[in-house]
Amino acid sequence: MLKQLSPAFRLTLLLTIVTGLLYPGVVTGLCQVLFRNQADGSLVVKNGQVIGSSLLGQNFAKPEYFHPRPSAAGNDGYDATASSGSNYGPTSQKLMDRMKVSADQFRKENPAYSGPIPADAITASASGLDPDITIANAQAQAARVAQARGASPAQIEKLIASGTDGRGLGFLGEAHVNVLKLNLQLDHFFPK
């Protein structure tokens, strides 16, 4: 019986070392060398203090900031430890009610905007923590932000354009703006 167990034990030990120690160690080392910022969580630092991650959405509710898309992560939203979508189906009355509340809130916060509400302004992402908004969503909020910052809408539009990230690989997804980075640019160029 030991004759059969000995090769199995040695193979298990070898695979544990290779797949449990060596492979993760090599991948982690390569990531730290080649992609240090991403491997460390894409943390955003201001005045020596971590204020967020460019990969995780966070709530901005003041009128002088661009607001992210709604979050279904956690009880109060934007909880990185409870990342998830609402899981409501397209015919769910709860989803319709939540979207109506979000649409009413968007109209109340952005009275100067009369166009159609961008979908990402009233719907949560699959993770509930999407850090980006569409260009249309940012432009819909521009008048409110400009007024609150004492800037012209043209200045805010220019800031949106400079903060726009294009499509991934030139054809994936759509152009978008990172809310945290855009709000940091607002604080830099138009301090409140």
Protein backbone atom coordinates (compact mmCIF):
# COMPACT_ATOMS: atom_id res chain seq x y z
CA MET A 1 0.00 0.00 0.00
CA LEU A 2 2.88 2.40 0.72
CA LYS A 3 4.15 1.62 -2.76
CA GLN A 4 0.99 3.18 -4.24
CA LEU A 5 0.70 6.05 -1.75
CA SER A 6 4.30 7.20 -2.03
CA PRO A 7 4.08 8.47 -5.67
CA ALA A 8 0.71 10.10 -4.94
CA PHE A 9 2.12 11.87 -1.89
CA ARG A 10 5.23 13.05 -3.78
CA LEU A 11 3.11 14.32 -6.69
CA THR A 12 0.78 16.12 -4.30
CA LEU A 13 3.76 17.72 -2.55
CA LEU A 14 5.34 18.73 -5.88
CA LEU A 15 2.10 20.24 -7.23
CA THR A 16 1.52 22.07 -3.95
CA ILE A 17 4.96 23.65 -4.17
CA VAL A 18 4.64 24.50 -7.87
CA THR A 19 1.03 25.74 -7.94
CA GLY A 20 0.76 26.98 -4.36
CA LEU A 21 4.12 28.68 -3.89
CA LEU A 22 6.26 29.03 -7.01
CA TYR A 23 3.62 30.06 -9.56
CA PRO A 24 1.90 32.66 -7.31
CA GLY A 25 5.30 33.97 -6.23
CA VAL A 26 6.51 34.41 -9.81
CA VAL A 27 3.26 36.03 -10.96
CA THR A 28 3.20 38.38 -7.96
CA GLY A 29 6.85 39.31 -8.53
CA LEU A 30 6.29 39.99 -12.23
CA CYS A 31 3.21 42.08 -11.48
CA GLN A 32 5.12 44.14 -8.91
CA VAL A 33 7.88 44.79 -11.44
CA LEU A 34 5.80 45.32 -14.60
CA PHE A 35 2.46 46.65 -13.28
CA ARG A 36 3.22 48.03 -9.82
CA ASN A 37 0.36 50.55 -9.66
CA GLN A 38 -2.27 48.04 -10.80
CA ALA A 39 -0.90 45.25 -8.59
CA ASP A 40 -1.14 47.54 -5.57
CA GLY A 41 -4.79 48.43 -6.28
CA SER A 42 -4.41 51.58 -8.40
CA LEU A 43 -4.49 53.70 -5.24
CA VAL A 44 -4.89 57.45 -5.58
CA VAL A 45 -2.77 59.48 -3.15
CA LYS A 46 -3.28 63.14 -2.30
CA ASN A 47 -1.01 64.97 0.14
CA GLY A 48 0.57 61.69 1.17
CA GLN A 49 -2.77 60.07 2.07
CA VAL A 50 -4.66 57.41 0.15
CA ILE A 51 -8.03 58.87 -0.81
CA GLY A 52 -9.35 56.07 -2.97
CA SER A 53 -8.70 53.78 -5.88
CA SER A 54 -9.18 54.62 -9.52
CA LEU A 55 -10.74 51.16 -9.88
CA LEU A 56 -13.49 51.55 -7.26
CA GLY A 57 -16.41 53.94 -7.31
CA GLN A 58 -17.09 56.04 -4.26
CA ASN A 59 -19.94 58.32 -3.35
CA PHE A 60 -19.70 62.04 -4.09
CA ALA A 61 -22.89 63.81 -3.10
CA LYS A 62 -21.93 67.49 -2.91
CA PRO A 63 -23.10 69.69 -5.81
CA GLU A 64 -19.54 70.82 -6.59
CA TYR A 65 -18.53 67.29 -7.53
CA PHE A 66 -19.46 64.96 -10.36
CA HIS A 67 -21.61 62.17 -9.01
CA PRO A 68 -20.90 58.52 -9.81
CA ARG A 69 -23.45 56.06 -11.03
CA PRO A 70 -25.70 54.55 -8.34
CA SER A 71 -24.31 51.65 -6.35
CA ALA A 72 -25.99 48.46 -5.16
CA ALA A 73 -22.91 47.31 -3.24
CA GLY A 74 -23.79 46.93 0.43
CA ASN A 75 -26.66 48.43 2.39
CA ASP A 76 -25.70 52.05 1.71
CA GLY A 77 -23.89 51.51 -1.60
CA TYR A 78 -20.21 51.90 -2.48
CA ASP A 79 -19.17 49.18 -0.01
CA ALA A 80 -16.09 47.55 -1.54
CA THR A 81 -16.46 44.54 0.77
CA ALA A 82 -19.94 43.83 -0.60
CA SER A 83 -19.43 44.26 -4.32
CA SER A 84 -22.50 43.14 -6.23
CA GLY A 85 -25.24 44.33 -8.47
CA SER A 86 -28.88 44.54 -7.45
CA ASN A 87 -29.69 41.34 -9.37
CA TYR A 88 -33.10 42.76 -10.24
CA GLY A 89 -34.42 41.54 -13.58
CA PRO A 90 -35.60 43.96 -16.28
CA THR A 91 -39.24 43.38 -15.32
CA SER A 92 -38.66 43.84 -11.58
CA GLN A 93 -40.90 46.46 -9.97
CA LYS A 94 -38.17 47.09 -7.35
CA LEU A 95 -35.75 47.98 -10.15
CA MET A 96 -38.30 50.29 -11.78
CA ASP A 97 -38.99 51.99 -8.43
CA ARG A 98 -35.28 52.45 -7.68
CA MET A 99 -34.64 53.85 -11.17
CA LYS A 100 -37.55 56.27 -10.79
CA VAL A 101 -36.13 57.52 -7.48
CA SER A 102 -32.69 57.88 -9.11
CA ALA A 103 -34.18 59.72 -12.11
CA ASP A 104 -36.12 62.11 -9.85
CA GLN A 105 -32.97 62.76 -7.80
CA PHE A 106 -30.92 63.35 -10.98
CA ARG A 107 -33.47 65.90 -12.27
CA LYS A 108 -33.57 67.62 -8.86
CA GLU A 109 -29.76 67.84 -8.65
CA ASN A 110 -29.33 68.94 -12.28
CA PRO A 111 -32.23 71.32 -13.01
CA ALA A 112 -30.41 73.00 -15.91
CA TYR A 113 -30.25 69.70 -17.80
CA SER A 114 -33.42 68.89 -19.78
CA GLY A 115 -32.24 66.15 -22.12
CA PRO A 116 -32.72 62.40 -21.70
CA ILE A 117 -31.10 61.06 -18.55
CA PRO A 118 -28.04 58.94 -19.38
CA ALA A 119 -28.63 55.30 -18.44
CA ASP A 120 -25.57 55.15 -16.19
CA ALA A 121 -26.95 58.04 -14.11
CA ILE A 122 -29.82 55.87 -12.87
CA THR A 123 -28.59 52.27 -13.15
CA ALA A 124 -26.02 50.51 -11.00
CA SER A 125 -23.17 48.58 -12.57
CA ALA A 126 -22.80 44.82 -12.21
CA SER A 127 -20.24 45.27 -9.42
CA GLY A 128 -21.97 48.26 -7.86
CA LEU A 129 -18.57 49.96 -7.77
CA ASP A 130 -18.00 51.26 -11.29
CA PRO A 131 -15.55 54.18 -11.00
CA ASP A 132 -16.44 55.64 -14.40
CA ILE A 133 -19.34 57.50 -15.95
CA THR A 134 -20.14 58.08 -19.58
CA ILE A 135 -19.32 61.35 -21.32
CA ALA A 136 -23.07 62.02 -21.62
CA ASN A 137 -23.50 61.61 -17.85
CA ALA A 138 -20.60 63.97 -17.13
CA GLN A 139 -21.93 66.55 -19.60
CA ALA A 140 -25.39 66.33 -18.04
CA GLN A 141 -23.86 67.26 -14.67
CA ALA A 142 -21.54 69.97 -16.03
CA ALA A 143 -23.88 72.94 -15.50
CA ARG A 144 -24.45 72.05 -11.83
CA VAL A 145 -20.73 71.58 -11.18
CA ALA A 146 -19.85 74.80 -13.03
CA GLN A 147 -22.34 76.81 -10.99
CA ALA A 148 -21.20 75.29 -7.68
CA ARG A 149 -17.53 75.91 -8.54
CA GLY A 150 -18.00 79.42 -9.95
CA ALA A 151 -16.65 78.26 -13.31
CA SER A 152 -18.09 78.54 -16.78
CA PRO A 153 -19.75 75.49 -18.35
CA ALA A 154 -17.15 75.70 -21.15
CA GLN A 155 -14.32 75.34 -18.59
CA ILE A 156 -15.98 72.28 -17.07
CA GLU A 157 -16.62 70.79 -20.52
CA LYS A 158 -12.92 71.26 -21.31
CA LEU A 159 -12.00 69.48 -18.07
CA ILE A 160 -14.32 66.60 -18.99
CA ALA A 161 -12.72 66.35 -22.43
CA SER A 162 -9.20 66.30 -20.97
CA GLY A 163 -10.19 63.58 -18.48
CA THR A 164 -11.86 61.33 -21.04
CA ASP A 165 -10.46 57.84 -21.47
CA GLY A 166 -11.13 56.30 -24.88
CA ARG A 167 -12.40 52.85 -25.70
CA GLY A 168 -10.32 49.90 -24.53
CA LEU A 169 -8.00 48.76 -27.33
CA GLY A 170 -9.73 51.34 -29.51
CA PHE A 171 -12.95 49.33 -29.93
CA LEU A 172 -14.09 47.89 -26.58
CA GLY A 173 -16.75 49.67 -24.53
CA GLU A 174 -17.24 53.38 -24.87
CA ALA A 175 -15.36 56.51 -23.90
CA HIS A 176 -15.68 57.30 -20.20
CA VAL A 177 -14.49 59.55 -17.39
CA ASN A 178 -13.13 58.38 -14.04
CA VAL A 179 -15.17 60.23 -11.41
CA LEU A 180 -12.48 60.33 -8.71
CA LYS A 181 -9.82 61.64 -11.10
CA LEU A 182 -12.24 64.21 -12.57
CA ASN A 183 -13.20 65.45 -9.11
CA LEU A 184 -9.54 65.75 -8.15
CA GLN A 185 -9.00 67.87 -11.27
CA LEU A 186 -11.92 70.05 -10.18
CA ASP A 187 -10.29 70.56 -6.77
CA HIS A 188 -7.00 71.42 -8.46
CA PHE A 189 -8.24 73.87 -11.09
CA PHE A 190 -11.36 75.25 -9.37
CA PRO A 191 -10.76 74.98 -5.60
CA LYS A 192 -13.81 75.39 -3.46
